[in-house]
């Protein structure tokens, strides 16, 4: 396929997200870029959300635990991993319909770099909204060393491609 070179400048808008018809059951999206979680991220999120557990913000307390150091608040890791999926899965979505089966499989520590990948599990046209559909995905949070630390299943209400 040959594409003619443009000779005049134009305005180009990136096309983020997908319409219902763009999803294929079994497809896997590798969400990038990754994110290194800092101690400051962890403390600020924990205190902002009223989670004062000392495992997140008291290094002396955490040093006496089985982990020997502070853990990243799992609410923060969920928010970061979910955020990584937006461009691929829900940028065009009308609404998130829910999360299921949130599983925490391994600890995350300040300084860890995390990534995400999602598999399309199911796609269907909405029974009550024929111009929209429901996409179900399973997402894994993965540390840079390959450790899967989190999984969840999410359902999103996504528009069908306009005619």
C-alpha atoms as a PDB file:
ATOM      1  CA  UNK A   1       0.000   0.000   0.000  1.00  0.00           C
ATOM      2  CA  UNK A   2       1.400   3.355  -1.040  1.00  0.00           C
ATOM      3  CA  UNK A   3       0.607   6.533   0.795  1.00  0.00           C
ATOM      4  CA  UNK A   4       1.034   9.874  -0.923  1.00  0.00           C
ATOM      5  CA  UNK A   5       3.206  12.324   0.970  1.00  0.00           C
ATOM      6  CA  UNK A   6       1.431  15.415   2.235  1.00  0.00           C
ATOM      7  CA  UNK A   7       2.714  18.664   0.870  1.00  0.00           C
ATOM      8  CA  UNK A   8       0.606  21.029   2.992  1.00  0.00           C
ATOM      9  CA  UNK A   9       0.459  21.168   6.801  1.00  0.00           C
ATOM     10  CA  UNK A  10      -2.702  19.923   8.452  1.00  0.00           C
ATOM     11  CA  UNK A  11      -4.118  19.477  11.925  1.00  0.00           C
ATOM     12  CA  UNK A  12      -4.015  15.874  13.079  1.00  0.00           C
ATOM     13  CA  UNK A  13      -5.770  14.570  16.172  1.00  0.00           C
ATOM     14  CA  UNK A  14      -4.651  11.317  17.796  1.00  0.00           C
ATOM     15  CA  UNK A  15      -7.431   8.744  17.885  1.00  0.00           C
ATOM     16  CA  UNK A  16      -7.417   7.433  21.439  1.00  0.00           C
ATOM     17  CA  UNK A  17      -9.595   4.613  22.660  1.00  0.00           C
ATOM     18  CA  UNK A  18     -11.733   2.124  20.780  1.00  0.00           C
ATOM     19  CA  UNK A  19     -15.278   1.768  19.589  1.00  0.00           C
ATOM     20  CA  UNK A  20     -17.093  -1.485  20.330  1.00  0.00           C
ATOM     21  CA  UNK A  21     -16.288  -2.856  16.864  1.00  0.00           C
ATOM     22  CA  UNK A  22     -12.545  -2.336  17.441  1.00  0.00           C
ATOM     23  CA  UNK A  23     -12.392  -4.867  20.282  1.00  0.00           C
ATOM     24  CA  UNK A  24     -11.621  -8.523  19.494  1.00  0.00           C
ATOM     25  CA  UNK A  25     -12.128 -11.251  22.068  1.00  0.00           C
ATOM     26  CA  UNK A  26      -8.729 -12.622  23.089  1.00  0.00           C
ATOM     27  CA  UNK A  27      -6.734  -9.528  22.113  1.00  0.00           C
ATOM     28  CA  UNK A  28      -4.113  -8.505  24.668  1.00  0.00           C
ATOM     29  CA  UNK A  29      -3.082  -4.881  25.124  1.00  0.00           C
ATOM     30  CA  UNK A  30       0.299  -4.048  26.647  1.00  0.00           C
ATOM     31  CA  UNK A  31      -0.301  -0.687  28.331  1.00  0.00           C
ATOM     32  CA  UNK A  32       2.674   1.662  28.228  1.00  0.00           C
ATOM     33  CA  UNK A  33       4.416   3.638  29.558  1.00  0.00           C
ATOM     34  CA  UNK A  34       5.060   2.093  32.946  1.00  0.00           C
ATOM     35  CA  UNK A  35       5.166   4.018  36.203  1.00  0.00           C
ATOM     36  CA  UNK A  36       7.734   3.984  38.982  1.00  0.00           C
ATOM     37  CA  UNK A  37       5.899   4.475  42.273  1.00  0.00           C
ATOM     38  CA  UNK A  38       7.723   6.769  44.681  1.00  0.00           C
ATOM     39  CA  UNK A  39       7.649   6.970  48.458  1.00  0.00           C
ATOM     40  CA  UNK A  40       6.057  10.400  48.095  1.00  0.00           C
ATOM     41  CA  UNK A  41       3.277   8.967  45.860  1.00  0.00           C
ATOM     42  CA  UNK A  42       2.566   6.337  48.492  1.00  0.00           C
ATOM     43  CA  UNK A  43       2.502   8.658  51.504  1.00  0.00           C
ATOM     44  CA  UNK A  44       0.491  11.386  49.763  1.00  0.00           C
ATOM     45  CA  UNK A  45      -2.122   8.945  48.426  1.00  0.00           C
ATOM     46  CA  UNK A  46      -2.405   7.154  51.758  1.00  0.00           C
ATOM     47  CA  UNK A  47      -2.906  10.330  53.750  1.00  0.00           C
ATOM     48  CA  UNK A  48      -5.167  11.944  51.136  1.00  0.00           C
ATOM     49  CA  UNK A  49      -7.473   8.915  51.257  1.00  0.00           C
ATOM     50  CA  UNK A  50      -7.415   8.746  55.086  1.00  0.00           C
ATOM     51  CA  UNK A  51      -5.547   5.420  55.105  1.00  0.00           C
ATOM     52  CA  UNK A  52      -3.234   5.968  58.061  1.00  0.00           C
ATOM     53  CA  UNK A  53      -2.011   2.383  58.299  1.00  0.00           C
ATOM     54  CA  UNK A  54       1.635   2.583  59.373  1.00  0.00           C
ATOM     55  CA  UNK A  55       2.717   0.000  56.758  1.00  0.00           C
ATOM     56  CA  UNK A  56       2.358   2.790  54.183  1.00  0.00           C
ATOM     57  CA  UNK A  57       3.861   5.774  55.978  1.00  0.00           C
ATOM     58  CA  UNK A  58       5.969   4.675  58.975  1.00  0.00           C
ATOM     59  CA  UNK A  59       9.303   3.183  57.895  1.00  0.00           C
ATOM     60  CA  UNK A  60      10.257   2.221  61.493  1.00  0.00           C
ATOM     61  CA  UNK A  61       6.976   0.307  61.923  1.00  0.00           C
ATOM     62  CA  UNK A  62       7.290  -1.336  58.498  1.00  0.00           C
ATOM     63  CA  UNK A  63      10.904  -2.360  59.217  1.00  0.00           C
ATOM     64  CA  UNK A  64       9.588  -4.694  61.939  1.00  0.00           C
ATOM     65  CA  UNK A  65       7.123  -6.381  59.547  1.00  0.00           C
ATOM     66  CA  UNK A  66       7.704  -9.495  57.437  1.00  0.00           C
ATOM     67  CA  UNK A  67       8.416  -7.179  54.480  1.00  0.00           C
ATOM     68  CA  UNK A  68      11.038  -5.089  56.301  1.00  0.00           C
ATOM     69  CA  UNK A  69       9.962  -1.891  54.553  1.00  0.00           C
ATOM     70  CA  UNK A  70       6.823   0.114  53.692  1.00  0.00           C
ATOM     71  CA  UNK A  71       4.257  -1.311  51.274  1.00  0.00           C
ATOM     72  CA  UNK A  72       2.604   0.750  48.560  1.00  0.00           C
ATOM     73  CA  UNK A  73      -1.070   1.317  49.352  1.00  0.00           C
ATOM     74  CA  UNK A  74      -3.059  -1.160  47.229  1.00  0.00           C
ATOM     75  CA  UNK A  75      -5.617   1.564  46.449  1.00  0.00           C
ATOM     76  CA  UNK A  76      -2.817   3.495  44.760  1.00  0.00           C
ATOM     77  CA  UNK A  77      -1.625   0.510  42.738  1.00  0.00           C
ATOM     78  CA  UNK A  78      -5.210  -0.171  41.627  1.00  0.00           C
ATOM     79  CA  UNK A  79      -5.642   3.468  40.573  1.00  0.00           C
ATOM     80  CA  UNK A  80      -2.358   3.517  38.640  1.00  0.00           C
ATOM     81  CA  UNK A  81      -2.978   0.213  36.854  1.00  0.00           C
ATOM     82  CA  UNK A  82      -6.538   1.237  35.995  1.00  0.00           C
ATOM     83  CA  UNK A  83      -5.276   4.575  34.701  1.00  0.00           C
ATOM     84  CA  UNK A  84      -2.772   2.817  32.439  1.00  0.00           C
ATOM     85  CA  UNK A  85      -5.630   1.014  30.682  1.00  0.00           C
ATOM     86  CA  UNK A  86      -7.656   4.102  29.774  1.00  0.00           C
ATOM     87  CA  UNK A  87      -6.076   4.945  26.392  1.00  0.00           C
ATOM     88  CA  UNK A  88      -6.604   1.392  25.127  1.00  0.00           C
ATOM     89  CA  UNK A  89      -9.865   0.339  26.765  1.00  0.00           C
ATOM     90  CA  UNK A  90     -12.014   3.130  28.122  1.00  0.00           C
ATOM     91  CA  UNK A  91     -10.966   6.455  26.579  1.00  0.00           C
ATOM     92  CA  UNK A  92     -14.177   6.516  24.516  1.00  0.00           C
ATOM     93  CA  UNK A  93     -16.268   4.796  27.212  1.00  0.00           C
ATOM     94  CA  UNK A  94     -19.522   6.254  28.437  1.00  0.00           C
ATOM     95  CA  UNK A  95     -19.107   4.656  31.863  1.00  0.00           C
ATOM     96  CA  UNK A  96     -17.308   2.033  33.871  1.00  0.00           C
ATOM     97  CA  UNK A  97     -19.943  -0.505  34.872  1.00  0.00           C
ATOM     98  CA  UNK A  98     -17.950  -2.259  37.554  1.00  0.00           C
ATOM     99  CA  UNK A  99     -14.915  -4.128  38.739  1.00  0.00           C
ATOM    100  CA  UNK A 100     -14.899  -7.757  39.834  1.00  0.00           C
ATOM    101  CA  UNK A 101     -12.392 -10.222  41.147  1.00  0.00           C
ATOM    102  CA  UNK A 102      -9.827  -7.688  42.339  1.00  0.00           C
ATOM    103  CA  UNK A 103      -6.962  -9.858  43.581  1.00  0.00           C
ATOM    104  CA  UNK A 104      -3.736  -8.692  45.221  1.00  0.00           C
ATOM    105  CA  UNK A 105      -1.081 -11.311  44.458  1.00  0.00           C
ATOM    106  CA  UNK A 106       2.238  -9.770  45.545  1.00  0.00           C
ATOM    107  CA  UNK A 107       3.467  -6.731  47.457  1.00  0.00           C
ATOM    108  CA  UNK A 108       4.505  -3.510  45.737  1.00  0.00           C
ATOM    109  CA  UNK A 109       7.163  -1.322  47.314  1.00  0.00           C
ATOM    110  CA  UNK A 110       8.167   2.294  46.763  1.00  0.00           C
ATOM    111  CA  UNK A 111      10.678   2.287  43.900  1.00  0.00           C
ATOM    112  CA  UNK A 112       8.944  -0.540  41.994  1.00  0.00           C
ATOM    113  CA  UNK A 113       8.087   0.140  38.369  1.00  0.00           C
ATOM    114  CA  UNK A 114       4.715  -1.228  37.328  1.00  0.00           C
ATOM    115  CA  UNK A 115       3.115  -1.997  33.974  1.00  0.00           C
ATOM    116  CA  UNK A 116      -0.269  -3.332  32.922  1.00  0.00           C
ATOM    117  CA  UNK A 117      -1.716  -5.646  30.309  1.00  0.00           C
ATOM    118  CA  UNK A 118      -5.340  -6.439  29.552  1.00  0.00           C
ATOM    119  CA  UNK A 119      -7.124  -9.241  27.734  1.00  0.00           C
ATOM    120  CA  UNK A 120     -10.509  -8.753  26.093  1.00  0.00           C
ATOM    121  CA  UNK A 121     -12.809 -11.390  27.617  1.00  0.00           C
ATOM    122  CA  UNK A 122     -16.201 -10.536  26.143  1.00  0.00           C
ATOM    123  CA  UNK A 123     -17.907  -8.040  23.840  1.00  0.00           C
ATOM    124  CA  UNK A 124     -21.633  -7.593  23.355  1.00  0.00           C
ATOM    125  CA  UNK A 125     -24.120  -5.028  22.163  1.00  0.00           C
ATOM    126  CA  UNK A 126     -26.163  -3.549  25.009  1.00  0.00           C
ATOM    127  CA  UNK A 127     -29.736  -4.843  25.189  1.00  0.00           C
ATOM    128  CA  UNK A 128     -31.083  -1.488  26.400  1.00  0.00           C
ATOM    129  CA  UNK A 129     -28.739   0.813  24.436  1.00  0.00           C
ATOM    130  CA  UNK A 130     -28.301  -0.434  20.849  1.00  0.00           C
ATOM    131  CA  UNK A 131     -25.783   2.309  19.991  1.00  0.00           C
ATOM    132  CA  UNK A 132     -23.496   1.078  22.778  1.00  0.00           C
ATOM    133  CA  UNK A 133     -21.991  -2.147  23.997  1.00  0.00           C
ATOM    134  CA  UNK A 134     -20.276  -3.762  26.944  1.00  0.00           C
ATOM    135  CA  UNK A 135     -16.637  -4.800  26.907  1.00  0.00           C
ATOM    136  CA  UNK A 136     -15.272  -7.029  29.663  1.00  0.00           C
ATOM    137  CA  UNK A 137     -11.505  -7.124  30.203  1.00  0.00           C
ATOM    138  CA  UNK A 138      -9.102  -8.791  32.630  1.00  0.00           C
ATOM    139  CA  UNK A 139      -6.169  -6.616  33.622  1.00  0.00           C
ATOM    140  CA  UNK A 140      -2.915  -7.651  35.266  1.00  0.00           C
ATOM    141  CA  UNK A 141      -0.561  -5.299  37.073  1.00  0.00           C
ATOM    142  CA  UNK A 142       2.996  -6.493  36.449  1.00  0.00           C
ATOM    143  CA  UNK A 143       6.213  -5.333  38.106  1.00  0.00           C
ATOM    144  CA  UNK A 144       9.302  -4.727  35.983  1.00  0.00           C
ATOM    145  CA  UNK A 145      10.700  -8.107  37.127  1.00  0.00           C
ATOM    146  CA  UNK A 146       7.643  -9.884  35.660  1.00  0.00           C
ATOM    147  CA  UNK A 147       5.805 -10.469  38.947  1.00  0.00           C
ATOM    148  CA  UNK A 148       2.032 -10.197  38.554  1.00  0.00           C
ATOM    149  CA  UNK A 149       0.951  -8.256  41.640  1.00  0.00           C
ATOM    150  CA  UNK A 150      -2.713  -7.554  40.867  1.00  0.00           C
ATOM    151  CA  UNK A 151      -5.565  -8.692  38.644  1.00  0.00           C
ATOM    152  CA  UNK A 152      -9.079  -7.416  38.112  1.00  0.00           C
ATOM    153  CA  UNK A 153     -11.974  -7.793  35.697  1.00  0.00           C
ATOM    154  CA  UNK A 154     -13.706  -4.642  34.475  1.00  0.00           C
ATOM    155  CA  UNK A 155     -16.830  -3.977  32.431  1.00  0.00           C
ATOM    156  CA  UNK A 156     -17.038  -0.774  30.381  1.00  0.00           C
ATOM    157  CA  UNK A 157     -19.929   0.741  28.428  1.00  0.00           C
ATOM    158  CA  UNK A 158     -18.460   1.688  25.055  1.00  0.00           C
ATOM    159  CA  UNK A 159     -20.104   3.408  22.075  1.00  0.00           C
ATOM    160  CA  UNK A 160     -20.534   1.625  18.782  1.00  0.00           C
ATOM    161  CA  UNK A 161     -18.854   3.230  15.788  1.00  0.00           C
ATOM    162  CA  UNK A 162     -20.998   6.070  14.420  1.00  0.00           C
ATOM    163  CA  UNK A 163     -22.439   5.345  10.986  1.00  0.00           C
END
